[in-house]
């Protein structure tokens, strides 16, 4: 078993999901993207295409995402230390289920957010084989948010200039990763610049560039 493989024995309860996810087209739909904290949406939530009416993809068995993160040696000590409930027993964790690694089992995408501003602190992908879950992707460079979009892993990162506030970044990078059999590889990257055009400080798309 690799260092990034997590074994969960028995059936555990789902953690509630976070309200701050994207609205991209997910394999499995938004029904199982749940929220664990009563936090607001991220400053620039992913918004690629409207969610479809595809049937929900449910995991083979109930998985506690918080327990998954805490048992994972690939999750940094800093993220684990700050992985605490925002209020009561509600953790700031978003969870999505879908198939993006070619496995017969359902993959799990977990985003850890901050309680104060709902910005993504870490994004992880777990590949299951029915008995164990292996961490096959991790990005702990905040702010970051990952989702499943039409069978691919899509990671969104707001881009900030020195004078930007957390609410209004200057732009964003949207990176698409494709599973290559053993790992994810970057397939596409789109950068969007934002400008204030309404006089109220609300950012609006200005230009997009595909690398």
Protein backbone atom coordinates (compact mmCIF):
# COMPACT_ATOMS: atom_id res chain seq x y z
CA UNK A 1 0.00 0.00 0.00
CA UNK A 2 1.46 3.41 -0.97
CA UNK A 3 1.95 6.28 1.44
CA UNK A 4 -1.03 8.04 -0.03
CA UNK A 5 -3.46 5.14 0.40
CA UNK A 6 -6.07 5.49 3.11
CA UNK A 7 -8.03 2.53 4.45
CA UNK A 8 -11.40 3.20 6.02
CA UNK A 9 -12.82 0.29 7.97
CA UNK A 10 -16.57 -0.02 8.42
CA UNK A 11 -19.25 2.41 7.36
CA UNK A 12 -19.04 5.99 8.51
CA UNK A 13 -21.41 8.91 8.15
CA UNK A 14 -21.20 11.55 5.45
CA UNK A 15 -20.02 14.95 6.58
CA UNK A 16 -22.25 17.77 5.48
CA UNK A 17 -20.81 19.75 2.52
CA UNK A 18 -19.95 23.43 2.13
CA UNK A 19 -22.00 25.99 0.29
CA UNK A 20 -19.00 27.46 -1.48
CA UNK A 21 -18.57 25.20 -4.51
CA UNK A 22 -18.60 25.80 -8.22
CA UNK A 23 -21.44 25.33 -10.63
CA UNK A 24 -19.56 23.45 -13.32
CA UNK A 25 -20.99 20.41 -15.09
CA UNK A 26 -20.07 17.56 -12.77
CA UNK A 27 -20.15 13.83 -13.43
CA UNK A 28 -22.55 12.93 -10.71
CA UNK A 29 -24.24 16.31 -10.60
CA UNK A 30 -24.41 18.71 -7.69
CA UNK A 31 -26.59 16.47 -5.52
CA UNK A 32 -23.68 14.94 -3.63
CA UNK A 33 -21.51 18.04 -3.49
CA UNK A 34 -22.21 18.78 0.12
CA UNK A 35 -21.18 21.45 2.52
CA UNK A 36 -19.67 21.06 5.92
CA UNK A 37 -19.55 24.63 7.10
CA UNK A 38 -21.94 27.54 7.12
CA UNK A 39 -19.56 29.61 5.05
CA UNK A 40 -20.21 31.87 2.12
CA UNK A 41 -19.27 30.98 -1.45
CA UNK A 42 -15.61 31.37 -2.51
CA UNK A 43 -14.69 34.77 -3.91
CA UNK A 44 -14.60 33.42 -7.47
CA UNK A 45 -16.49 30.11 -7.58
CA UNK A 46 -15.90 27.98 -10.69
CA UNK A 47 -18.60 28.64 -13.26
CA UNK A 48 -17.78 26.81 -16.47
CA UNK A 49 -21.16 25.62 -17.73
CA UNK A 50 -24.58 25.22 -16.10
CA UNK A 51 -25.12 22.05 -14.12
CA UNK A 52 -26.90 19.36 -16.10
CA UNK A 53 -29.71 17.07 -15.09
CA UNK A 54 -27.44 14.02 -15.10
CA UNK A 55 -28.28 11.40 -12.44
CA UNK A 56 -26.28 11.64 -9.25
CA UNK A 57 -23.23 9.42 -8.89
CA UNK A 58 -23.16 7.91 -5.44
CA UNK A 59 -20.10 6.39 -3.79
CA UNK A 60 -19.91 2.65 -3.27
CA UNK A 61 -20.15 3.22 0.47
CA UNK A 62 -20.40 6.11 2.87
CA UNK A 63 -17.11 7.94 3.42
CA UNK A 64 -16.30 10.56 6.02
CA UNK A 65 -14.16 13.14 4.14
CA UNK A 66 -12.75 14.61 7.34
CA UNK A 67 -11.54 11.20 8.51
CA UNK A 68 -10.13 10.61 5.03
CA UNK A 69 -8.10 13.80 5.19
CA UNK A 70 -6.84 13.21 8.71
CA UNK A 71 -5.64 9.70 7.87
CA UNK A 72 -3.89 10.83 4.69
CA UNK A 73 -0.10 11.30 5.01
CA UNK A 74 -0.12 13.48 1.88
CA UNK A 75 -2.27 16.14 3.54
CA UNK A 76 -0.02 18.74 5.16
CA UNK A 77 0.22 19.12 8.90
CA UNK A 78 -0.94 22.74 8.55
CA UNK A 79 -4.17 21.76 6.80
CA UNK A 80 -4.82 19.00 9.32
CA UNK A 81 -4.17 21.36 12.23
CA UNK A 82 -6.69 23.87 10.94
CA UNK A 83 -9.27 21.25 9.96
CA UNK A 84 -11.75 22.20 12.65
CA UNK A 85 -15.51 22.82 12.70
CA UNK A 86 -16.59 26.33 11.77
CA UNK A 87 -19.55 25.96 14.12
CA UNK A 88 -20.81 22.98 16.07
CA UNK A 89 -19.79 19.87 14.15
CA UNK A 90 -19.84 21.45 10.69
CA UNK A 91 -16.50 21.33 8.88
CA UNK A 92 -15.61 23.62 5.94
CA UNK A 93 -15.22 20.76 3.49
CA UNK A 94 -16.80 20.35 0.04
CA UNK A 95 -17.10 16.83 -1.41
CA UNK A 96 -17.88 15.70 -4.97
CA UNK A 97 -18.18 12.20 -6.40
CA UNK A 98 -17.58 11.09 -9.98
CA UNK A 99 -15.36 9.07 -12.30
CA UNK A 100 -12.22 10.83 -13.47
CA UNK A 101 -9.46 8.21 -13.08
CA UNK A 102 -10.84 5.33 -15.11
CA UNK A 103 -11.45 3.25 -12.01
CA UNK A 104 -14.57 1.10 -11.73
CA UNK A 105 -15.10 2.71 -8.31
CA UNK A 106 -16.26 6.29 -7.79
CA UNK A 107 -13.55 8.91 -7.24
CA UNK A 108 -13.81 11.50 -4.47
CA UNK A 109 -12.83 15.17 -4.81
CA UNK A 110 -12.41 17.01 -1.50
CA UNK A 111 -11.92 20.76 -1.06
CA UNK A 112 -10.91 22.22 2.30
CA UNK A 113 -12.05 25.83 2.79
CA UNK A 114 -11.32 28.47 5.39
CA UNK A 115 -14.09 29.27 7.84
CA UNK A 116 -13.49 33.02 7.75
CA UNK A 117 -13.69 33.68 4.00
CA UNK A 118 -14.48 30.30 2.37
CA UNK A 119 -11.33 30.42 0.25
CA UNK A 120 -9.94 27.06 -0.82
CA UNK A 121 -6.99 25.93 1.30
CA UNK A 122 -6.44 22.57 -0.34
CA UNK A 123 -7.90 20.32 -3.03
CA UNK A 124 -7.51 16.53 -3.16
CA UNK A 125 -8.59 13.62 -5.36
CA UNK A 126 -9.00 10.13 -3.92
CA UNK A 127 -9.12 7.10 -6.20
CA UNK A 128 -10.98 4.15 -4.75
CA UNK A 129 -10.82 0.45 -5.48
CA UNK A 130 -13.73 -0.59 -3.30
CA UNK A 131 -11.70 -1.11 -0.12
CA UNK A 132 -9.12 1.69 0.02
CA UNK A 133 -8.74 5.28 -1.19
CA UNK A 134 -5.47 6.58 -2.62
CA UNK A 135 -4.57 10.25 -2.84
CA UNK A 136 -3.71 10.78 -6.53
CA UNK A 137 -3.84 14.59 -6.60
CA UNK A 138 -3.18 17.34 -4.07
CA UNK A 139 -2.91 21.11 -4.44
CA UNK A 140 -2.31 23.03 -1.23
CA UNK A 141 -1.48 26.41 -2.76
CA UNK A 142 -4.41 28.64 -1.74
CA UNK A 143 -6.75 29.85 -2.95
CA UNK A 144 -7.68 26.74 -4.91
CA UNK A 145 -10.86 24.84 -5.74
CA UNK A 146 -11.22 21.55 -7.66
CA UNK A 147 -14.26 19.98 -9.29
CA UNK A 148 -15.27 17.28 -11.74
CA UNK A 149 -16.21 18.70 -15.13
CA UNK A 150 -17.28 16.34 -17.92
CA UNK A 151 -14.99 13.55 -16.80
CA UNK A 152 -11.97 15.78 -16.19
CA UNK A 153 -10.45 17.36 -13.10
CA UNK A 154 -10.78 21.16 -13.25
CA UNK A 155 -8.91 23.36 -10.78
CA UNK A 156 -9.75 27.06 -10.40
CA UNK A 157 -7.33 29.55 -8.84
CA UNK A 158 -8.14 33.25 -8.32
CA UNK A 159 -5.26 35.57 -9.23
CA UNK A 160 -4.57 38.56 -6.99
CA UNK A 161 -2.60 41.75 -7.56
CA UNK A 162 -1.03 43.52 -4.60
CA UNK A 163 -3.93 45.97 -4.30
CA UNK A 164 -6.70 43.35 -4.66
CA UNK A 165 -9.02 42.41 -1.83
CA UNK A 166 -9.95 38.78 -1.19
CA UNK A 167 -13.43 39.48 -2.54
CA UNK A 168 -12.28 40.90 -5.87
CA UNK A 169 -9.28 39.22 -7.50
CA UNK A 170 -7.75 40.56 -10.72
CA UNK A 171 -8.47 37.34 -12.57
CA UNK A 172 -8.37 33.58 -12.42
CA UNK A 173 -6.65 30.53 -13.86
CA UNK A 174 -8.74 27.50 -14.80
CA UNK A 175 -6.59 24.39 -15.24
CA UNK A 176 -7.89 21.14 -16.70
CA UNK A 177 -6.17 17.87 -15.77
CA UNK A 178 -6.58 14.53 -17.54
CA UNK A 179 -5.92 11.15 -15.97
CA UNK A 180 -3.10 9.40 -17.83
CA UNK A 181 -3.37 5.97 -16.24
CA UNK A 182 -1.12 6.58 -13.24
CA UNK A 183 -1.38 10.32 -12.56
CA UNK A 184 -3.05 13.54 -13.64
CA UNK A 185 -1.36 15.70 -16.29
CA UNK A 186 -2.23 19.27 -17.19
CA UNK A 187 -4.23 19.29 -20.41
CA UNK A 188 -5.40 22.88 -20.73
CA UNK A 189 -5.06 26.23 -18.96
CA UNK A 190 -7.23 29.31 -19.44
CA UNK A 191 -6.37 32.63 -17.82
CA UNK A 192 -9.04 35.31 -17.47
CA UNK A 193 -8.35 38.94 -16.54
CA UNK A 194 -11.04 40.95 -14.76
CA UNK A 195 -11.72 44.68 -14.78
CA UNK A 196 -14.10 46.97 -12.89
CA UNK A 197 -16.57 48.12 -15.52
CA UNK A 198 -19.73 48.79 -13.53
CA UNK A 199 -18.37 51.43 -11.21
CA UNK A 200 -19.19 49.40 -8.15
CA UNK A 201 -16.02 47.38 -7.79
CA UNK A 202 -17.61 44.20 -9.09
CA UNK A 203 -15.14 42.33 -11.33
CA UNK A 204 -16.24 41.38 -14.83
CA UNK A 205 -14.49 39.27 -17.48
CA UNK A 206 -12.17 41.32 -19.65
CA UNK A 207 -9.98 38.96 -21.63
CA UNK A 208 -9.35 35.24 -21.80
CA UNK A 209 -6.21 33.56 -23.02
CA UNK A 210 -5.66 29.86 -23.59
CA UNK A 211 -2.13 28.57 -23.21
